[in-house]
Amino acid sequence: MRLGKTLWISFCTVGMCFSFFTTRVNAPIIEHEAFNSHPKLSFSVISDIHLREGKSNSGTTYHDRIADHRLLSALTDIYDINPHQDALVIDGDCTTTGSQSDYARVRDILNKIPHPTNTLFAIGNHEFSSALYKQNGVFSPRTFPNGVTEQACIELFNSTFAE
């Protein structure tokens, strides 16, 4: 226990020292036509939105309104900054449990708010979490994989986001 406290204090001390030695660097201004033209491609990347709809870990009805609000706010901000972006990348963990109801919630929100037509999705570890749940939606890591295969998780992801 003493070692942990010692390490924490050391890290905090190092962090404070670095903050005292930061300085501002005046970089030269580069004049080049590439910096003054419009970008060739613009896109935003978000990740770990963790939407959840359906059942809680105990099997009761559940809807994560906070995650919904965060995604809606992020998409609104992205649109307000640049409504003409070429793409949006959602980089993994679109869902919390990898269930069909979670995926439906992602699609529902994306259908409600403006975002680039070219939206790209990457699969994350939470998209495989459905193997931790029984068919009735109850969280059950002891009975993993609960009849769910890795291939089934990939197919559900692909069928949800395939255009």
Protein backbone atom coordinates (compact mmCIF):
# COMPACT_ATOMS: atom_id res chain seq x y z
CA MET A 1 0.00 0.00 0.00
CA ARG A 2 2.86 2.39 0.83
CA LEU A 3 4.44 1.84 -2.59
CA GLY A 4 1.22 2.88 -4.33
CA LYS A 5 1.07 6.15 -2.40
CA THR A 6 4.73 6.82 -3.08
CA LEU A 7 4.28 6.31 -6.82
CA TRP A 8 1.18 8.50 -6.93
CA ILE A 9 2.94 11.35 -5.14
CA SER A 10 5.93 10.98 -7.46
CA PHE A 11 3.73 11.17 -10.56
CA CYS A 12 1.91 14.21 -9.21
CA THR A 13 5.21 15.90 -8.42
CA VAL A 14 6.59 15.20 -11.90
CA GLY A 15 3.38 16.54 -13.44
CA MET A 16 3.63 19.76 -11.44
CA CYS A 17 7.28 20.22 -12.42
CA PHE A 18 6.45 19.95 -16.11
CA SER A 19 3.78 22.60 -15.79
CA PHE A 20 6.36 25.06 -14.43
CA PHE A 21 8.68 24.53 -17.38
CA THR A 22 6.18 24.94 -20.21
CA THR A 23 6.80 27.86 -22.48
CA ARG A 24 5.20 29.36 -25.52
CA VAL A 25 7.00 28.93 -28.81
CA ASN A 26 6.50 31.46 -31.54
CA ALA A 27 6.47 29.41 -34.73
CA PRO A 28 7.08 31.14 -38.02
CA ILE A 29 4.03 31.80 -40.17
CA ILE A 30 4.20 29.70 -43.30
CA GLU A 31 2.79 31.23 -46.45
CA HIS A 32 1.80 28.51 -48.88
CA GLU A 33 -1.19 28.12 -51.17
CA ALA A 34 -2.06 24.73 -49.62
CA PHE A 35 -2.69 26.41 -46.26
CA ASN A 36 -4.94 29.06 -47.79
CA SER A 37 -7.17 26.77 -49.85
CA HIS A 38 -10.17 24.72 -48.82
CA PRO A 39 -9.49 21.26 -47.42
CA LYS A 40 -9.62 18.35 -49.84
CA LEU A 41 -11.48 16.23 -47.31
CA SER A 42 -13.07 17.03 -43.98
CA PHE A 43 -14.44 14.54 -41.50
CA SER A 44 -15.09 14.10 -37.80
CA VAL A 45 -14.33 11.09 -35.65
CA ILE A 46 -16.26 10.08 -32.55
CA SER A 47 -16.04 6.88 -30.57
CA ASP A 48 -17.36 5.03 -27.56
CA ILE A 49 -20.90 6.33 -27.75
CA HIS A 50 -22.14 3.27 -25.81
CA LEU A 51 -25.85 3.52 -26.58
CA ARG A 52 -28.06 1.12 -24.69
CA GLU A 53 -31.70 0.24 -25.16
CA GLY A 54 -33.55 -2.81 -23.98
CA LYS A 55 -32.60 -4.57 -20.76
CA SER A 56 -30.46 -3.62 -17.76
CA ASN A 57 -27.96 -6.12 -16.39
CA SER A 58 -30.70 -7.47 -14.13
CA GLY A 59 -33.14 -7.90 -17.03
CA THR A 60 -35.42 -4.91 -16.40
CA THR A 61 -36.38 -2.42 -19.12
CA TYR A 62 -33.60 0.12 -19.62
CA HIS A 63 -32.89 3.15 -21.78
CA ASP A 64 -29.67 5.16 -21.37
CA ARG A 65 -30.91 8.72 -21.92
CA ILE A 66 -27.54 10.22 -20.94
CA ALA A 67 -25.73 8.37 -23.74
CA ASP A 68 -28.49 9.45 -26.15
CA HIS A 69 -28.07 13.08 -25.09
CA ARG A 70 -24.29 12.95 -25.47
CA LEU A 71 -24.51 11.56 -29.00
CA LEU A 72 -27.18 14.06 -30.02
CA SER A 73 -25.06 16.91 -28.60
CA ALA A 74 -21.92 15.66 -30.36
CA LEU A 75 -23.69 15.34 -33.71
CA THR A 76 -25.23 18.80 -33.29
CA ASP A 77 -21.82 20.32 -32.50
CA ILE A 78 -20.22 18.57 -35.46
CA TYR A 79 -22.94 19.85 -37.78
CA ASP A 80 -22.73 23.39 -36.36
CA ILE A 81 -18.96 23.48 -36.88
CA ASN A 82 -19.10 22.26 -40.46
CA PRO A 83 -22.42 21.24 -42.01
CA HIS A 84 -20.64 20.23 -45.24
CA GLN A 85 -18.24 17.60 -43.92
CA ASP A 86 -17.43 14.75 -46.25
CA ALA A 87 -17.72 12.00 -43.67
CA LEU A 88 -18.31 11.00 -40.08
CA VAL A 89 -16.37 8.12 -38.53
CA ILE A 90 -17.83 6.34 -35.51
CA ASP A 91 -14.85 4.42 -34.25
CA GLY A 92 -16.03 1.49 -32.16
CA ASP A 93 -18.28 0.83 -29.20
CA CYS A 94 -21.46 2.15 -30.79
CA THR A 95 -23.37 -0.02 -28.33
CA THR A 96 -23.02 -1.10 -24.72
CA THR A 97 -24.22 -4.68 -25.05
CA GLY A 98 -24.04 -5.38 -28.78
CA SER A 99 -27.74 -6.26 -28.77
CA GLN A 100 -30.17 -5.69 -31.62
CA SER A 101 -32.02 -3.12 -29.49
CA ASP A 102 -28.78 -1.15 -28.91
CA TYR A 103 -28.11 -1.08 -32.65
CA ALA A 104 -31.68 0.03 -33.32
CA ARG A 105 -31.14 2.93 -30.93
CA VAL A 106 -28.00 4.02 -32.80
CA ARG A 107 -29.90 3.96 -36.09
CA ASP A 108 -32.86 5.80 -34.54
CA ILE A 109 -30.68 8.68 -33.34
CA LEU A 110 -28.75 8.89 -36.61
CA ASN A 111 -32.07 9.13 -38.46
CA LYS A 112 -33.19 12.04 -36.27
CA ILE A 113 -30.29 14.45 -36.67
CA PRO A 114 -28.23 15.77 -39.60
CA HIS A 115 -24.90 14.08 -40.14
CA PRO A 116 -22.75 13.34 -43.19
CA THR A 117 -24.29 10.83 -45.58
CA ASN A 118 -20.94 9.07 -45.71
CA THR A 119 -20.85 7.68 -42.16
CA LEU A 120 -18.29 4.97 -41.49
CA PHE A 121 -18.42 2.56 -38.57
CA ALA A 122 -15.67 0.51 -36.94
CA ILE A 123 -16.48 -2.43 -34.72
CA GLY A 124 -15.37 -2.23 -31.08
CA ASN A 125 -15.11 -4.65 -28.20
CA HIS A 126 -18.56 -3.72 -26.86
CA GLU A 127 -20.13 -4.96 -30.08
CA PHE A 128 -19.13 -8.44 -28.88
CA SER A 129 -20.67 -7.99 -25.41
CA SER A 130 -23.93 -9.72 -26.31
CA ALA A 131 -22.14 -12.99 -25.47
CA LEU A 132 -22.21 -11.89 -21.83
CA TYR A 133 -26.02 -11.85 -21.74
CA LYS A 134 -28.55 -14.66 -21.66
CA GLN A 135 -31.36 -14.71 -24.22
CA ASN A 136 -33.69 -12.98 -21.68
CA GLY A 137 -31.24 -10.05 -21.43
CA VAL A 138 -29.86 -10.87 -17.99
CA PHE A 139 -26.11 -10.28 -17.58
CA SER A 140 -24.49 -13.67 -17.12
CA PRO A 141 -20.71 -13.82 -17.62
CA ARG A 142 -20.61 -17.23 -15.89
CA THR A 143 -22.46 -18.81 -18.81
CA PHE A 144 -20.38 -16.99 -21.47
CA PRO A 145 -20.75 -17.15 -24.47
CA ASN A 146 -24.47 -17.74 -23.90
CA GLY A 147 -24.94 -19.28 -27.34
CA VAL A 148 -23.52 -16.22 -29.13
CA THR A 149 -20.64 -16.61 -31.57
CA GLU A 150 -18.07 -14.05 -32.62
CA GLN A 151 -19.28 -14.44 -36.19
CA ALA A 152 -22.87 -13.68 -35.14
CA CYS A 153 -21.69 -10.45 -33.49
CA ILE A 154 -19.83 -9.40 -36.62
CA GLU A 155 -22.81 -10.22 -38.84
CA LEU A 156 -25.18 -8.19 -36.65
CA PHE A 157 -22.78 -5.23 -36.77
CA ASN A 158 -22.41 -5.50 -40.54
CA SER A 159 -26.12 -5.91 -41.18
CA THR A 160 -26.88 -2.86 -39.06
CA PHE A 161 -24.40 -0.53 -40.72
CA ALA A 162 -24.13 -1.93 -44.25
CA GLU A 163 -25.45 0.50 -46.84
